[in-house]
Each structure stands twice: as C-alpha cells, then as structure tokens.
Protein backbone atom coordinates (compact mmCIF):
# COMPACT_ATOMS: atom_id res chain seq x y z
CA MET A 1 -8.52 25.66 0.60
CA PRO A 2 -9.17 24.28 4.11
CA ASP A 3 -6.40 22.58 6.11
CA SER A 4 -8.48 19.42 6.49
CA ARG A 5 -11.31 17.64 4.71
CA VAL A 6 -13.53 14.64 5.43
CA ILE A 7 -15.07 12.67 2.55
CA LEU A 8 -17.81 10.10 3.08
CA ALA A 9 -16.25 7.90 0.44
CA HIS A 10 -17.92 4.48 0.53
CA GLU A 11 -20.76 2.44 1.97
CA SER A 12 -18.38 0.27 3.97
CA HIS A 13 -14.73 0.15 5.09
CA VAL A 14 -12.15 1.88 2.87
CA PRO A 15 -9.17 -0.49 2.66
CA ALA A 16 -6.92 1.52 0.32
CA ILE A 17 -6.24 4.97 -1.12
CA LEU A 18 -3.70 6.63 -3.40
CA PHE A 19 -3.09 9.95 -5.12
CA SER A 20 -2.92 10.37 -8.87
CA ALA A 21 0.54 10.95 -10.31
CA ASP A 22 -0.07 14.70 -10.64
CA GLY A 23 -1.67 14.96 -7.19
CA SER A 24 -4.92 16.47 -8.49
CA GLU A 25 -7.08 13.45 -7.57
CA LEU A 26 -7.41 10.82 -4.86
CA VAL A 27 -8.49 7.25 -5.60
CA SER A 28 -10.32 5.24 -2.94
CA ALA A 29 -11.15 1.52 -2.81
CA GLY A 30 -14.12 0.19 -0.87
CA MET A 31 -15.40 -3.05 0.58
CA ASP A 32 -18.58 -2.06 -1.29
CA ARG A 33 -16.81 -3.19 -4.54
CA MET A 34 -16.48 0.40 -5.74
CA VAL A 35 -13.52 2.47 -6.81
CA ARG A 36 -14.05 6.21 -6.59
CA VAL A 37 -11.96 9.16 -7.80
CA TRP A 38 -12.11 12.48 -5.92
CA SER A 39 -10.97 15.99 -6.84
CA ILE A 40 -8.44 17.35 -4.33
CA SER A 41 -9.25 20.98 -5.11
CA SER A 42 -13.02 20.68 -4.63
CA GLY A 43 -13.53 17.40 -2.78
CA ASP A 44 -16.11 16.40 -5.40
CA LEU A 45 -16.61 12.93 -6.80
CA VAL A 46 -15.08 12.77 -10.28
CA ARG A 47 -15.78 9.16 -11.25
CA GLU A 48 -16.97 5.88 -9.74
CA TRP A 49 -17.44 2.31 -10.92
CA PRO A 50 -17.91 -1.23 -9.55
CA ALA A 51 -14.38 -2.55 -10.08
CA HIS A 52 -14.85 -6.11 -8.82
CA THR A 53 -17.52 -8.53 -7.67
CA LYS A 54 -16.27 -8.36 -4.07
CA SER A 55 -14.29 -6.00 -1.82
CA VAL A 56 -11.51 -3.92 -3.43
CA ASN A 57 -8.58 -4.30 -1.04
CA ALA A 58 -5.52 -2.88 -2.77
CA LEU A 59 -4.52 -0.14 -5.20
CA ALA A 60 -1.35 0.64 -7.13
CA MET A 61 -0.45 2.97 -9.97
CA THR A 62 2.29 2.96 -12.57
CA PRO A 63 4.98 5.63 -12.11
CA ASP A 64 3.80 7.51 -15.20
CA GLY A 65 0.23 7.57 -13.86
CA THR A 66 -1.30 5.95 -16.94
CA MET A 67 -2.52 2.72 -15.34
CA LEU A 68 -4.36 1.97 -12.09
CA VAL A 69 -4.21 -1.56 -10.65
CA THR A 70 -6.82 -2.99 -8.26
CA GLY A 71 -6.89 -6.22 -6.24
CA SER A 72 -9.96 -7.87 -4.76
CA THR A 73 -11.44 -10.52 -2.51
CA ASP A 74 -12.76 -12.09 -5.72
CA GLY A 75 -9.18 -13.27 -6.34
CA THR A 76 -8.52 -11.11 -9.41
CA VAL A 77 -6.28 -8.21 -10.33
CA ALA A 78 -7.66 -5.59 -12.72
CA LEU A 79 -5.81 -3.04 -14.88
CA TRP A 80 -7.48 0.31 -15.67
CA GLU A 81 -6.40 3.00 -18.12
CA THR A 82 -6.51 6.21 -16.11
CA GLY A 83 -7.64 8.51 -18.92
CA SER A 84 -10.97 6.74 -19.26
CA TYR A 85 -10.76 4.33 -16.29
CA GLU A 86 -11.82 1.57 -18.65
CA CYS A 87 -10.68 -1.96 -17.81
CA VAL A 88 -7.70 -2.99 -19.93
CA ARG A 89 -7.35 -6.52 -18.56
CA ARG A 90 -8.33 -8.82 -15.68
CA LEU A 91 -5.73 -11.18 -14.29
CA SER A 92 -6.82 -14.46 -12.74
CA GLY A 93 -4.35 -16.70 -10.96
CA HIS A 94 -4.96 -16.48 -7.24
CA LYS A 95 -7.23 -18.89 -5.40
CA LYS A 96 -8.12 -16.50 -2.57
CA THR A 97 -8.27 -12.80 -1.65
CA VAL A 98 -5.78 -10.43 -3.27
CA ALA A 99 -4.72 -8.18 -0.40
CA ALA A 100 -1.56 -6.45 -1.65
CA LEU A 101 -0.20 -4.84 -4.82
CA ALA A 102 3.04 -3.17 -5.85
CA VAL A 103 4.19 -1.82 -9.21
CA SER A 104 7.87 -2.03 -10.11
CA ARG A 105 9.82 1.20 -10.33
CA ASP A 106 10.31 0.76 -14.06
CA GLY A 107 6.55 0.35 -14.54
CA THR A 108 6.75 -3.01 -16.31
CA MET A 109 5.56 -5.39 -13.58
CA VAL A 110 2.95 -5.63 -10.84
CA ALA A 111 3.20 -7.98 -7.87
CA SER A 112 0.04 -9.29 -6.21
CA GLY A 113 0.01 -10.86 -2.76
CA SER A 114 -2.81 -13.16 -1.72
CA TYR A 115 -4.35 -15.08 1.15
CA ASP A 116 -3.47 -18.20 -0.88
CA ARG A 117 0.08 -17.57 0.45
CA SER A 118 1.53 -16.75 -2.96
CA VAL A 119 2.91 -13.70 -4.74
CA VAL A 120 2.46 -13.49 -8.51
CA ILE A 121 4.55 -11.21 -10.73
CA TRP A 122 2.56 -10.08 -13.77
CA SER A 123 3.66 -8.27 -16.92
CA LEU A 124 1.85 -4.95 -17.24
CA HIS A 125 2.46 -5.04 -20.98
CA ASP A 126 0.39 -8.12 -21.77
CA GLY A 127 -0.87 -9.48 -18.43
CA THR A 128 1.16 -12.68 -18.54
CA GLU A 129 2.20 -14.38 -15.31
CA GLU A 130 5.98 -13.99 -15.22
CA SER A 131 6.64 -15.87 -11.97
CA ARG A 132 4.91 -17.24 -8.89
CA LEU A 133 6.69 -16.94 -5.57
CA GLY A 134 5.89 -18.88 -2.44
CA PRO A 135 4.40 -20.34 -0.52
CA HIS A 136 4.64 -17.65 2.14
CA GLY A 137 4.13 -18.72 5.75
CA GLY A 138 0.59 -17.32 5.78
CA ASN A 139 -1.69 -14.70 4.23
CA VAL A 140 0.30 -12.11 2.27
CA THR A 141 -0.80 -8.58 3.19
CA SER A 142 2.02 -6.43 1.79
CA VAL A 143 4.49 -6.60 -1.11
CA ALA A 144 7.23 -4.29 -2.37
CA PHE A 145 9.90 -4.19 -5.07
CA ALA A 146 13.42 -3.34 -3.89
CA ALA A 147 17.01 -3.08 -5.11
CA ARG A 148 16.09 -1.66 -8.54
CA ASP A 149 13.37 -4.25 -9.06
CA THR A 150 15.70 -7.22 -8.48
CA ILE A 151 14.19 -8.23 -5.12
CA LEU A 152 10.56 -8.80 -4.15
CA LEU A 153 9.60 -8.41 -0.49
CA ALA A 154 6.48 -9.91 1.07
CA SER A 155 4.98 -9.97 4.54
CA GLY A 156 1.79 -10.91 6.33
CA LEU A 157 0.85 -13.61 8.79
CA GLY A 158 4.24 -14.68 10.07
CA ASP A 159 6.90 -12.61 11.78
CA ASP A 160 9.48 -12.67 8.96
CA ILE A 161 9.79 -10.45 5.90
CA ILE A 162 10.32 -12.84 3.00
CA ARG A 163 12.70 -11.90 0.17
CA TRP A 164 12.96 -13.40 -3.31
CA GLY A 165 15.52 -12.72 -6.02
CA LEU A 166 13.52 -11.94 -9.15
CA VAL A 167 16.18 -13.11 -11.57
CA SER A 168 16.50 -16.53 -9.94
CA ALA A 169 12.98 -16.69 -8.41
CA GLU A 170 14.77 -18.20 -5.40
CA PRO A 171 14.28 -17.21 -1.75
CA LEU A 172 16.86 -15.01 -0.03
CA PRO A 173 17.48 -14.90 3.74
CA PRO A 174 14.40 -13.37 5.44
CA LEU A 175 14.42 -10.22 7.56
CA THR A 176 13.70 -11.14 11.17
CA GLY A 177 12.89 -9.24 14.34
CA HIS A 178 9.16 -8.55 14.25
CA ARG A 179 6.77 -10.72 16.24
CA VAL A 180 3.43 -12.32 15.30
CA ALA A 181 2.79 -10.63 11.92
CA VAL A 182 4.23 -7.92 9.66
CA SER A 183 1.22 -6.06 8.36
CA SER A 184 2.83 -3.41 6.10
CA LEU A 185 5.92 -2.64 4.04
CA ALA A 186 6.94 0.64 2.39
CA LEU A 187 10.09 1.67 0.48
CA SER A 188 11.37 5.21 0.86
CA PRO A 189 11.19 7.33 -2.32
CA ASN A 190 14.86 6.72 -3.16
CA GLY A 191 14.61 3.02 -2.29
CA ALA A 192 17.37 3.22 0.33
CA THR A 193 15.19 2.41 3.34
CA LEU A 194 12.48 -0.17 3.92
CA ALA A 195 9.91 0.54 6.63
CA SER A 196 8.03 -2.41 8.10
CA ALA A 197 5.20 -2.37 10.65
CA GLY A 198 4.65 -5.30 12.99
CA ASN A 199 1.56 -6.23 14.95
CA GLU A 200 3.61 -6.06 18.14
CA GLY A 201 3.38 -2.28 17.68
CA THR A 202 6.76 -1.35 16.24
CA VAL A 203 8.09 0.08 13.00
CA ARG A 204 11.51 -1.12 11.85
CA LEU A 205 13.72 0.69 9.34
CA TRP A 206 16.04 -1.42 7.17
CA ASP A 207 19.03 -0.36 5.06
CA THR A 208 18.34 -1.91 1.64
CA GLN A 209 22.06 -2.13 0.82
CA THR A 210 23.01 -4.23 3.86
CA TRP A 211 19.49 -5.32 4.94
CA ALA A 212 20.42 -4.48 8.51
CA CYS A 213 17.78 -3.02 10.83
CA VAL A 214 19.02 0.48 11.60
CA GLU A 215 16.19 1.73 13.81
CA GLU A 216 13.09 0.58 15.68
CA ARG A 217 10.22 2.89 16.63
CA ASP A 218 7.27 2.35 18.95
CA ILE A 219 3.86 2.97 17.35
CA GLY A 220 2.09 3.10 20.70
CA GLY A 221 -1.09 1.33 19.64
CA SER A 222 -2.56 -1.65 17.85
CA GLY A 223 -4.09 -1.73 14.38
CA THR A 224 -3.37 -2.79 10.80
CA HIS A 225 -0.54 -0.21 10.64
CA PRO A 226 -0.51 1.10 7.05
CA LEU A 227 2.67 3.02 6.18
CA ALA A 228 3.38 6.01 3.93
CA TRP A 229 6.56 7.93 3.16
CA HIS A 230 6.55 11.67 2.50
CA PRO A 231 8.30 12.65 -0.78
CA ASP A 232 11.12 14.15 1.32
CA GLY A 233 12.20 10.57 2.16
CA GLU A 234 12.52 11.30 5.87
CA THR A 235 8.95 11.85 7.09
CA LEU A 236 7.11 8.58 7.75
CA ALA A 237 3.47 8.04 8.76
CA VAL A 238 1.91 4.91 10.28
CA GLY A 239 -1.73 4.24 11.11
CA ALA A 240 -3.03 2.80 14.36
CA GLU A 241 -6.35 2.60 16.15
CA ARG A 242 -7.86 6.11 16.20
CA LYS A 243 -4.65 7.87 15.17
CA VAL A 244 -1.86 8.35 12.67
CA VAL A 245 1.67 8.76 14.04
CA ILE A 246 3.95 10.98 11.93
CA TRP A 247 7.72 11.07 12.45
CA ARG A 248 9.50 14.13 11.06
CA GLY A 249 13.12 15.25 10.98
CA ARG A 250 16.31 13.82 12.44
CA PRO A 251 16.20 12.74 15.15
CA ALA A 252 12.65 11.70 14.32
CA MET A 253 10.08 13.57 16.40
CA PRO A 254 6.59 12.02 16.50
CA SER A 255 3.32 13.89 16.24
CA VAL A 256 -0.19 12.42 16.33
CA TRP A 257 -3.13 13.05 14.00
CA ASP A 258 -6.25 11.91 15.86
CA ILE A 259 -8.71 9.89 13.74
CA PRO A 260 -12.21 9.29 15.21
CA SER A 261 -12.37 5.73 13.85
CA LYS A 262 -11.00 2.53 15.33
CA GLY A 263 -9.54 1.19 12.11
CA VAL A 264 -7.14 3.20 9.91
CA TYR A 265 -6.58 1.07 6.79
CA GLY A 266 -4.91 3.26 4.16
CA LEU A 267 -2.40 6.13 4.16
CA ALA A 268 -0.97 8.22 1.32
CA PHE A 269 1.01 11.44 0.93
CA SER A 270 0.32 13.56 -2.13
CA PRO A 271 3.21 13.72 -4.65
CA ASP A 272 4.09 17.27 -3.55
CA GLY A 273 3.82 16.34 0.14
CA ALA A 274 1.14 18.96 0.81
CA TRP A 275 -1.53 16.47 1.90
CA LEU A 276 -1.71 13.31 3.99
CA ALA A 277 -4.79 11.16 3.42
CA ALA A 278 -6.10 8.41 5.70
CA SER A 279 -8.90 5.94 4.99
CA SER A 280 -10.75 4.14 7.73
CA ALA A 281 -13.41 1.74 8.93
CA ASP A 282 -16.05 4.48 9.27
CA LYS A 283 -16.41 4.72 5.44
CA ARG A 284 -14.47 7.98 5.33
CA VAL A 285 -11.33 9.42 3.84
CA ARG A 286 -9.69 12.27 5.74
CA LEU A 287 -7.15 14.71 4.35
CA SER A 288 -4.80 16.84 6.44
CA ARG A 289 -2.65 19.61 5.03
CA GLN A 290 1.01 19.09 5.95
C-alpha cells in the first residue's frame, strides 16, 4: 500500500472527514451536499448519498461505530445507521447553519453547535432535545464533551472557550487566553487534555482536571485550524494554510506535511494511528501514512 494517497472526493470544498470505528473506511462531507465513504485499502468509493439540502459541514460517529451524525447549512442534524447508511432521524431545532458536532463518550448524546449561537444536546436514542445551551458570543464552530460527559465545551467567534455544566445546564467560568476566535477544540483520547486552536495562530493545551493552560504552541500560519489527536494521546496535528503541523513526542517536536491547497478544513487519524487524513478546499482528501 502506498505511503500517501490523494482522493478527488467532492465537487466543492470538503469541510469534514472521519474514519470508521474499525479504520477500514473514511467518510467525507462536502459542500456539494454529499457524504461519501471510501475504502482505505483500495481508495475506491464505497457509497455516496445526498445527505442534506445544503452543505454538509460536520461529522461525528458513535463510539461503537453504529451511527454516523451529520450537520448542515440547512440547519438540521441527521442520524444514519452505518450498516446501511439509511437515515434514522432528522433533528430540527437550529435556525442557522450547523457547523459543529460531538458525540458523548458514552454514546447517548450528540451536541450540535450552530451559527444561531446555540448548542443543542440531543438524545441519540429517540432524537429528543435534552437541553439548549447559550447564547454563545457568536457563531459556534466547535463543541466537545469533557469530564466524563458532565461538561460541554463550545467555541467559535469570540476569544473565550465557553463551558456549561450538563447536569445544571448552567455556565461555568470560561477558558480565556486566545484572541479573536477559537476555531477548533479536541479532547485527547483519555480526556485529560483539551487542545484549542485560536485564529491568532496558537494552539493551547488545557488540563481538564484543573482547567489550567499548561502549554501554548505556535502554529506558524493562518487558517481554520482543525485539530486531531493521534491514538497515542501525545501526537497532535493542526491544519493551516497549505500545511499540517504535527507535534510528536516530549518535548513536542514539530514536523510539517505540505498540502497544495490554501484551506485545510478537516483532519483525522485512523483508529490504529497508521494514517493521517486531511480534507481541503481543492475538493480533495489526502492520506499520509504515519
């Protein structure tokens, strides 16, 4: 198998990607309204369908790999059974673009973040709206569950990372230090560290026990700054214009994967850590063996 692969995945930008739970397939979401599933071993298209009436901006999957969740500019969230990729349910509750999704670690809830400045927590069992959090200071572009699913984190337009307690549905003190906007959030595999990427060009690492910032790293470029953790819990990748920066080891040593596209929108490591995938503005998904 080659050490790299380029897939012409969509007819427009590719905002999001993720690997299947067993790592055999890659799912891509396009501004062309399509969701496509690709074989990692062959690079072939396995399945495709028009998932929404407008751009598909966000993807998430349950920990057991049985359900795919998509979010769209049409304001809806859709649930798909991964065996058949048939739609199980569509969730309507946002007034504007759904730009961010996160599934809880126990697989019972999905959080959707929207340009309507709200975050909605939905039950994956029956699709009911369990709580609505907000308003955020601006468009919500990233959400994450933390502290064993007791805290919901959200970021976007605005330089703070907002925290809500899910039991009380009340705001907790925000995480401060970024400037302008916090485009991406990602929890390490064991949940002990939160990575956040700010539009000022830095990544901050937060201890999720104390919520103190323990490290700040320079990205060295502008962009939407998607984040992805390697399964080892120490290697972290961040996207920037025309590159992906990868920090490995302790102390963290950066390396650069050059991407011949201005916008890098999605990043994902395969479950076994063998592949890093990046999706971009040039309609392509690139895979690099790690």
